[in-house]
Amino acid sequence: MRPKIFLEGASPVPLFNEYDIRGAQIGTVENIFSEDENDRVYAVWLTLDRRSSFFLQKETTTRLGSRLQLVSNGQILGIHPIEKTISNGIVPFILSTSMTEQAARTLYEQLGQSLLYIQAELANERR
């Protein structure tokens, strides 16, 4: 899995690629469209490296109202509506509302494993 982050409707060149991502976390967000208290939407929070965090802050300042897309293997995995400047380098991506908990956890595990391999690849190149 080689995750990339694109700006929706912009050029087909990613803003960030798998080498810019340093970590991932999974969590839930309350589904405001459901009356079921246990109905959750899953999200993945990606942490970017320092250089990419500065670029993210610049881009989100000028792109309010746009959306970021998390893409892997040509498939959109999640979105992030840009409502304010992101200055901490952490981007939460809301996953599809139809994604089950098991599917969200599997995606998170694959993403985490992929990021470990990518970090090892980068460390190897620096030697």
C-alpha atoms as a PDB file:
ATOM      1  CA  MET A   1       0.000   0.000   0.000  1.00  0.00           C
ATOM      2  CA  ARG A   2       1.525   3.286  -1.127  1.00  0.00           C
ATOM      3  CA  PRO A   3      -0.772   6.041   0.213  1.00  0.00           C
ATOM      4  CA  LYS A   4      -0.826   9.428  -1.465  1.00  0.00           C
ATOM      5  CA  ILE A   5      -2.690  12.638  -0.643  1.00  0.00           C
ATOM      6  CA  PHE A   6      -4.288  14.632  -3.448  1.00  0.00           C
ATOM      7  CA  LEU A   7      -6.187  17.900  -3.575  1.00  0.00           C
ATOM      8  CA  GLU A   8      -9.630  17.132  -5.005  1.00  0.00           C
ATOM      9  CA  GLY A   9     -10.107  18.561  -8.483  1.00  0.00           C
ATOM     10  CA  ALA A  10      -6.469  19.635  -8.840  1.00  0.00           C
ATOM     11  CA  SER A  11      -3.740  18.222 -11.045  1.00  0.00           C
ATOM     12  CA  PRO A  12      -3.148  14.451 -10.840  1.00  0.00           C
ATOM     13  CA  VAL A  13       0.097  15.058  -8.944  1.00  0.00           C
ATOM     14  CA  PRO A  14      -0.098  14.213  -5.221  1.00  0.00           C
ATOM     15  CA  LEU A  15       0.588  16.895  -2.625  1.00  0.00           C
ATOM     16  CA  PHE A  16       2.144  14.216  -0.403  1.00  0.00           C
ATOM     17  CA  ASN A  17       3.262  10.659  -1.003  1.00  0.00           C
ATOM     18  CA  GLU A  18       4.119   7.677   1.170  1.00  0.00           C
ATOM     19  CA  TYR A  19       7.566   9.110   2.003  1.00  0.00           C
ATOM     20  CA  ASP A  20       6.021  12.186   3.645  1.00  0.00           C
ATOM     21  CA  ILE A  21       3.865  10.181   6.078  1.00  0.00           C
ATOM     22  CA  ARG A  22       5.417   9.282   9.433  1.00  0.00           C
ATOM     23  CA  GLY A  23       2.561   7.622  11.285  1.00  0.00           C
ATOM     24  CA  ALA A  24      -1.090   6.626  11.365  1.00  0.00           C
ATOM     25  CA  GLN A  25      -3.779   6.241  14.006  1.00  0.00           C
ATOM     26  CA  ILE A  26      -7.337   4.963  13.728  1.00  0.00           C
ATOM     27  CA  GLY A  27     -10.378   6.281  15.517  1.00  0.00           C
ATOM     28  CA  THR A  28     -14.098   6.811  15.255  1.00  0.00           C
ATOM     29  CA  VAL A  29     -16.317   9.797  14.714  1.00  0.00           C
ATOM     30  CA  GLU A  30     -19.981   9.881  15.661  1.00  0.00           C
ATOM     31  CA  ASN A  31     -22.230   9.403  12.632  1.00  0.00           C
ATOM     32  CA  ILE A  32     -24.472  12.468  12.876  1.00  0.00           C
ATOM     33  CA  PHE A  33     -26.854  11.021  10.295  1.00  0.00           C
ATOM     34  CA  SER A  34     -27.811   8.050  12.454  1.00  0.00           C
ATOM     35  CA  GLU A  35     -29.942   7.869  15.578  1.00  0.00           C
ATOM     36  CA  ASP A  36     -28.085   4.710  16.681  1.00  0.00           C
ATOM     37  CA  GLU A  37     -25.614   5.704  19.408  1.00  0.00           C
ATOM     38  CA  ASN A  38     -23.288   2.869  18.377  1.00  0.00           C
ATOM     39  CA  ASP A  39     -23.210   3.877  14.707  1.00  0.00           C
ATOM     40  CA  ARG A  40     -19.708   5.163  14.014  1.00  0.00           C
ATOM     41  CA  VAL A  41     -17.756   6.454  11.063  1.00  0.00           C
ATOM     42  CA  TYR A  42     -14.098   5.478  11.075  1.00  0.00           C
ATOM     43  CA  ALA A  43     -11.208   7.833  10.460  1.00  0.00           C
ATOM     44  CA  VAL A  44      -7.467   7.561   9.977  1.00  0.00           C
ATOM     45  CA  TRP A  45      -5.190  10.304  11.290  1.00  0.00           C
ATOM     46  CA  LEU A  46      -1.955  10.617   9.311  1.00  0.00           C
ATOM     47  CA  THR A  47       1.091  12.379  10.724  1.00  0.00           C
ATOM     48  CA  LEU A  48       3.390  14.067   8.205  1.00  0.00           C
ATOM     49  CA  ASP A  49       7.114  14.724   8.513  1.00  0.00           C
ATOM     50  CA  ARG A  50       8.319  18.210   9.438  1.00  0.00           C
ATOM     51  CA  ARG A  51       8.929  19.485   5.901  1.00  0.00           C
ATOM     52  CA  SER A  52       5.551  18.231   4.733  1.00  0.00           C
ATOM     53  CA  SER A  53       3.843  19.738   7.796  1.00  0.00           C
ATOM     54  CA  PHE A  54       5.031  23.200   6.768  1.00  0.00           C
ATOM     55  CA  PHE A  55       3.795  22.632   3.218  1.00  0.00           C
ATOM     56  CA  LEU A  56       0.455  21.331   4.549  1.00  0.00           C
ATOM     57  CA  GLN A  57       0.034  24.497   6.611  1.00  0.00           C
ATOM     58  CA  LYS A  58       0.700  26.670   3.548  1.00  0.00           C
ATOM     59  CA  GLU A  59      -1.660  24.675   1.323  1.00  0.00           C
ATOM     60  CA  THR A  60      -4.527  24.513   3.807  1.00  0.00           C
ATOM     61  CA  THR A  61      -4.313  28.249   4.442  1.00  0.00           C
ATOM     62  CA  THR A  62      -5.001  28.995   0.786  1.00  0.00           C
ATOM     63  CA  ARG A  63      -7.398  26.092   0.058  1.00  0.00           C
ATOM     64  CA  LEU A  64     -10.198  26.574   2.587  1.00  0.00           C
ATOM     65  CA  GLY A  65     -13.364  24.869   1.353  1.00  0.00           C
ATOM     66  CA  SER A  66     -11.435  22.284  -0.687  1.00  0.00           C
ATOM     67  CA  ARG A  67     -10.975  18.614   0.192  1.00  0.00           C
ATOM     68  CA  LEU A  68      -7.934  16.405   0.516  1.00  0.00           C
ATOM     69  CA  GLN A  69      -8.211  12.805  -0.662  1.00  0.00           C
ATOM     70  CA  LEU A  70      -6.313   9.821   0.693  1.00  0.00           C
ATOM     71  CA  VAL A  71      -5.662   7.489  -2.252  1.00  0.00           C
ATOM     72  CA  SER A  72      -3.964   4.117  -2.600  1.00  0.00           C
ATOM     73  CA  ASN A  73      -3.896   1.838  -5.636  1.00  0.00           C
ATOM     74  CA  GLY A  74      -6.082   4.310  -7.527  1.00  0.00           C
ATOM     75  CA  GLN A  75      -8.868   4.086  -4.947  1.00  0.00           C
ATOM     76  CA  ILE A  76     -10.049   6.933  -2.708  1.00  0.00           C
ATOM     77  CA  LEU A  77      -9.874   5.642   0.860  1.00  0.00           C
ATOM     78  CA  GLY A  78     -10.853   8.798   2.739  1.00  0.00           C
ATOM     79  CA  ILE A  79     -11.432  12.525   2.552  1.00  0.00           C
ATOM     80  CA  HIS A  80     -10.610  15.562   4.657  1.00  0.00           C
ATOM     81  CA  PRO A  81     -12.618  18.752   4.135  1.00  0.00           C
ATOM     82  CA  ILE A  82     -10.310  21.739   4.664  1.00  0.00           C
ATOM     83  CA  GLU A  83     -12.201  23.927   7.114  1.00  0.00           C
ATOM     84  CA  LYS A  84      -9.193  25.641   8.696  1.00  0.00           C
ATOM     85  CA  THR A  85      -5.425  25.772   8.477  1.00  0.00           C
ATOM     86  CA  ILE A  86      -3.722  22.583   9.644  1.00  0.00           C
ATOM     87  CA  SER A  87      -0.643  23.658  11.561  1.00  0.00           C
ATOM     88  CA  ASN A  88       0.222  20.495  13.504  1.00  0.00           C
ATOM     89  CA  GLY A  89       0.985  18.173  10.561  1.00  0.00           C
ATOM     90  CA  ILE A  90      -1.819  15.737  11.416  1.00  0.00           C
ATOM     91  CA  VAL A  91      -4.582  15.140   8.868  1.00  0.00           C
ATOM     92  CA  PRO A  92      -7.714  13.174   9.799  1.00  0.00           C
ATOM     93  CA  PHE A  93      -9.266  11.349   6.850  1.00  0.00           C
ATOM     94  CA  ILE A  94     -12.880  10.241   7.171  1.00  0.00           C
ATOM     95  CA  LEU A  95     -13.333   6.772   5.709  1.00  0.00           C
ATOM     96  CA  SER A  96     -16.431   5.683   3.798  1.00  0.00           C
ATOM     97  CA  THR A  97     -19.580   5.583   5.917  1.00  0.00           C
ATOM     98  CA  SER A  98     -20.255   2.071   4.622  1.00  0.00           C
ATOM     99  CA  MET A  99     -16.908   0.750   5.906  1.00  0.00           C
ATOM    100  CA  THR A 100     -17.254  -1.800   8.678  1.00  0.00           C
ATOM    101  CA  GLU A 101     -15.101  -1.775  11.785  1.00  0.00           C
ATOM    102  CA  GLN A 102     -13.233  -4.861  10.556  1.00  0.00           C
ATOM    103  CA  ALA A 103     -12.536  -3.271   7.156  1.00  0.00           C
ATOM    104  CA  ALA A 104     -11.329  -0.055   8.831  1.00  0.00           C
ATOM    105  CA  ARG A 105      -8.999  -1.993  11.131  1.00  0.00           C
ATOM    106  CA  THR A 106      -7.646  -4.048   8.225  1.00  0.00           C
ATOM    107  CA  LEU A 107      -6.971  -0.852   6.261  1.00  0.00           C
ATOM    108  CA  TYR A 108      -5.229   0.671   9.281  1.00  0.00           C
ATOM    109  CA  GLU A 109      -3.064  -2.429   9.798  1.00  0.00           C
ATOM    110  CA  GLN A 110      -2.068  -2.523   6.120  1.00  0.00           C
ATOM    111  CA  LEU A 111      -1.283   1.185   6.214  1.00  0.00           C
ATOM    112  CA  GLY A 112       0.799   0.829   9.379  1.00  0.00           C
ATOM    113  CA  GLN A 113       2.753  -2.110   7.990  1.00  0.00           C
ATOM    114  CA  SER A 114       3.367  -0.275   4.725  1.00  0.00           C
ATOM    115  CA  LEU A 115       4.629   2.798   6.569  1.00  0.00           C
ATOM    116  CA  LEU A 116       7.085   0.643   8.550  1.00  0.00           C
ATOM    117  CA  TYR A 117       8.543  -0.758   5.323  1.00  0.00           C
ATOM    118  CA  ILE A 118       8.742   2.696   3.778  1.00  0.00           C
ATOM    119  CA  GLN A 119      10.543   4.095   6.840  1.00  0.00           C
ATOM    120  CA  ALA A 120      13.031   1.205   6.682  1.00  0.00           C
ATOM    121  CA  GLU A 121      13.530   1.872   2.968  1.00  0.00           C
ATOM    122  CA  LEU A 122      14.247   5.542   3.690  1.00  0.00           C
ATOM    123  CA  ALA A 123      16.681   4.679   6.491  1.00  0.00           C
ATOM    124  CA  ASN A 124      18.488   2.292   4.155  1.00  0.00           C
ATOM    125  CA  GLU A 125      18.882   4.969   1.484  1.00  0.00           C
ATOM    126  CA  ARG A 126      20.361   7.423   3.996  1.00  0.00           C
ATOM    127  CA  ARG A 127      23.214   5.049   4.882  1.00  0.00           C
END
